[in-house]
Structures are given as structure tokens and as C-alpha cells.
């Protein structure tokens, strides 16, 4: 769906939620979309916050964010396991 096909109230609601994330979180979301390999550089709390606020507006965006969070969680688990060997 093109952004122009959205209901104006939905578009405004999304924009308000996007703006409420703040610069630190939105910059991480943009980085993950531009280059999914950047997920390892992101703050998992920021990615969770973005998912919580933006989920349901765009499946592709939600997918990018969920994939990034999964990568971060796997890396955290790997580091934890490695540290406890």
C-alpha cells in the first residue's frame, strides 16, 4: 500500500508515534532498515520500544524490527553462554 492510500488519521497517528520515539530510537530504526546487518550495533531496548509503538502499521517495518531484535537476542545469548563456560 502506498502511503498516499492510507487513511489520513492512520497516517497522522503513525507520525505521532514515530515522533514520540525520539531521535535516538528513530535513528536506530532507520539504520536497521537501511542495513539489516547493523542490528548488532543497536540497543535492544530501543528496538523493543519501536516495535511496541509501531507494530501493526506496516508489516515490512515490523518484520525488520523483529528480525533485528532476534539477532540481538541471539548475540546476547551467545555472549552469555560463552562467558559462563
C-alpha atoms as a PDB file:
ATOM      1  CA  UNK A   1       0.000   0.000   0.000  1.00  0.00           C
ATOM      2  CA  UNK A   2       1.333   3.400  -0.893  1.00  0.00           C
ATOM      3  CA  UNK A   3       1.485   5.939   1.863  1.00  0.00           C
ATOM      4  CA  UNK A   4      -0.942   8.050  -0.151  1.00  0.00           C
ATOM      5  CA  UNK A   5      -3.536   5.275   0.038  1.00  0.00           C
ATOM      6  CA  UNK A   6      -3.556   5.335   3.843  1.00  0.00           C
ATOM      7  CA  UNK A   7      -6.388   6.813   5.805  1.00  0.00           C
ATOM      8  CA  UNK A   8      -5.206  10.295   6.849  1.00  0.00           C
ATOM      9  CA  UNK A   9      -5.979   9.661  10.517  1.00  0.00           C
ATOM     10  CA  UNK A  10      -3.865   6.469  10.467  1.00  0.00           C
ATOM     11  CA  UNK A  11      -1.017   8.347   8.841  1.00  0.00           C
ATOM     12  CA  UNK A  12      -1.187  11.096  11.457  1.00  0.00           C
ATOM     13  CA  UNK A  13      -1.331   8.525  14.264  1.00  0.00           C
ATOM     14  CA  UNK A  14       1.758   6.758  12.871  1.00  0.00           C
ATOM     15  CA  UNK A  15       3.609  10.064  12.546  1.00  0.00           C
ATOM     16  CA  UNK A  16       2.813  10.959  16.147  1.00  0.00           C
ATOM     17  CA  UNK A  17       4.032   7.594  17.409  1.00  0.00           C
ATOM     18  CA  UNK A  18       7.171   7.869  15.251  1.00  0.00           C
ATOM     19  CA  UNK A  19       7.921  11.321  16.657  1.00  0.00           C
ATOM     20  CA  UNK A  20       7.355  10.069  20.219  1.00  0.00           C
ATOM     21  CA  UNK A  21      10.211   7.573  19.811  1.00  0.00           C
ATOM     22  CA  UNK A  22      12.797  10.352  19.831  1.00  0.00           C
ATOM     23  CA  UNK A  23      15.939  10.803  17.775  1.00  0.00           C
ATOM     24  CA  UNK A  24      17.985   8.020  19.388  1.00  0.00           C
ATOM     25  CA  UNK A  25      15.388   5.332  18.661  1.00  0.00           C
ATOM     26  CA  UNK A  26      14.333   6.563  15.225  1.00  0.00           C
ATOM     27  CA  UNK A  27      17.946   6.732  14.074  1.00  0.00           C
ATOM     28  CA  UNK A  28      18.379   3.076  15.062  1.00  0.00           C
ATOM     29  CA  UNK A  29      15.199   2.075  13.229  1.00  0.00           C
ATOM     30  CA  UNK A  30      16.392   3.868  10.090  1.00  0.00           C
ATOM     31  CA  UNK A  31      19.829   2.237  10.399  1.00  0.00           C
ATOM     32  CA  UNK A  32      18.320  -1.271  10.631  1.00  0.00           C
ATOM     33  CA  UNK A  33      16.082  -0.651   7.619  1.00  0.00           C
ATOM     34  CA  UNK A  34      18.945   0.776   5.577  1.00  0.00           C
ATOM     35  CA  UNK A  35      21.280  -2.095   6.510  1.00  0.00           C
ATOM     36  CA  UNK A  36      19.899  -5.085   8.442  1.00  0.00           C
ATOM     37  CA  UNK A  37      23.487  -6.083   9.318  1.00  0.00           C
ATOM     38  CA  UNK A  38      23.523  -3.020  11.587  1.00  0.00           C
ATOM     39  CA  UNK A  39      21.251  -4.877  14.012  1.00  0.00           C
ATOM     40  CA  UNK A  40      24.251  -5.906  16.113  1.00  0.00           C
ATOM     41  CA  UNK A  41      25.031  -2.229  16.689  1.00  0.00           C
ATOM     42  CA  UNK A  42      21.561  -1.422  18.026  1.00  0.00           C
ATOM     43  CA  UNK A  43      20.204  -1.134  21.529  1.00  0.00           C
ATOM     44  CA  UNK A  44      17.666  -3.925  22.102  1.00  0.00           C
ATOM     45  CA  UNK A  45      15.595  -1.698  24.373  1.00  0.00           C
ATOM     46  CA  UNK A  46      15.281   0.862  21.581  1.00  0.00           C
ATOM     47  CA  UNK A  47      14.218  -1.799  19.097  1.00  0.00           C
ATOM     48  CA  UNK A  48      11.628  -3.173  21.550  1.00  0.00           C
ATOM     49  CA  UNK A  49      10.278   0.335  22.086  1.00  0.00           C
ATOM     50  CA  UNK A  50       9.941   0.839  18.334  1.00  0.00           C
ATOM     51  CA  UNK A  51       8.123  -2.480  17.963  1.00  0.00           C
ATOM     52  CA  UNK A  52       5.764  -1.618  20.816  1.00  0.00           C
ATOM     53  CA  UNK A  53       4.856   1.764  19.314  1.00  0.00           C
ATOM     54  CA  UNK A  54       4.869   0.965  15.587  1.00  0.00           C
ATOM     55  CA  UNK A  55       3.704  -2.639  15.332  1.00  0.00           C
ATOM     56  CA  UNK A  56       0.626  -3.007  13.181  1.00  0.00           C
ATOM     57  CA  UNK A  57       1.203  -0.036  10.906  1.00  0.00           C
ATOM     58  CA  UNK A  58       3.419  -1.744   8.352  1.00  0.00           C
ATOM     59  CA  UNK A  59       4.225  -5.453   8.224  1.00  0.00           C
ATOM     60  CA  UNK A  60       7.553  -4.917   6.480  1.00  0.00           C
ATOM     61  CA  UNK A  61       8.714  -2.396   9.089  1.00  0.00           C
ATOM     62  CA  UNK A  62       7.620  -4.695  11.900  1.00  0.00           C
ATOM     63  CA  UNK A  63       9.486  -7.575  10.230  1.00  0.00           C
ATOM     64  CA  UNK A  64      12.725  -5.589  10.037  1.00  0.00           C
ATOM     65  CA  UNK A  65      12.455  -4.659  13.693  1.00  0.00           C
ATOM     66  CA  UNK A  66      11.589  -8.170  14.857  1.00  0.00           C
ATOM     67  CA  UNK A  67      14.464  -9.619  12.825  1.00  0.00           C
ATOM     68  CA  UNK A  68      16.854  -7.081  14.366  1.00  0.00           C
ATOM     69  CA  UNK A  69      15.654  -7.926  17.863  1.00  0.00           C
ATOM     70  CA  UNK A  70      16.064 -11.641  17.179  1.00  0.00           C
ATOM     71  CA  UNK A  71      19.658 -11.081  16.035  1.00  0.00           C
ATOM     72  CA  UNK A  72      20.374  -9.048  19.173  1.00  0.00           C
ATOM     73  CA  UNK A  73      18.825 -11.663  21.463  1.00  0.00           C
ATOM     74  CA  UNK A  74      20.795 -14.468  19.799  1.00  0.00           C
ATOM     75  CA  UNK A  75      24.019 -12.475  20.166  1.00  0.00           C
ATOM     76  CA  UNK A  76      23.274 -11.756  23.823  1.00  0.00           C
ATOM     77  CA  UNK A  77      22.559 -15.428  24.456  1.00  0.00           C
ATOM     78  CA  UNK A  78      25.780 -16.437  22.664  1.00  0.00           C
ATOM     79  CA  UNK A  79      27.851 -13.971  24.697  1.00  0.00           C
ATOM     80  CA  UNK A  80      26.215 -15.131  27.939  1.00  0.00           C
ATOM     81  CA  UNK A  81      26.875 -18.787  27.133  1.00  0.00           C
ATOM     82  CA  UNK A  82      30.453 -18.058  26.149  1.00  0.00           C
ATOM     83  CA  UNK A  83      31.081 -16.107  29.348  1.00  0.00           C
ATOM     84  CA  UNK A  84      29.706 -18.917  31.515  1.00  0.00           C
ATOM     85  CA  UNK A  85      31.760 -21.754  30.068  1.00  0.00           C
END
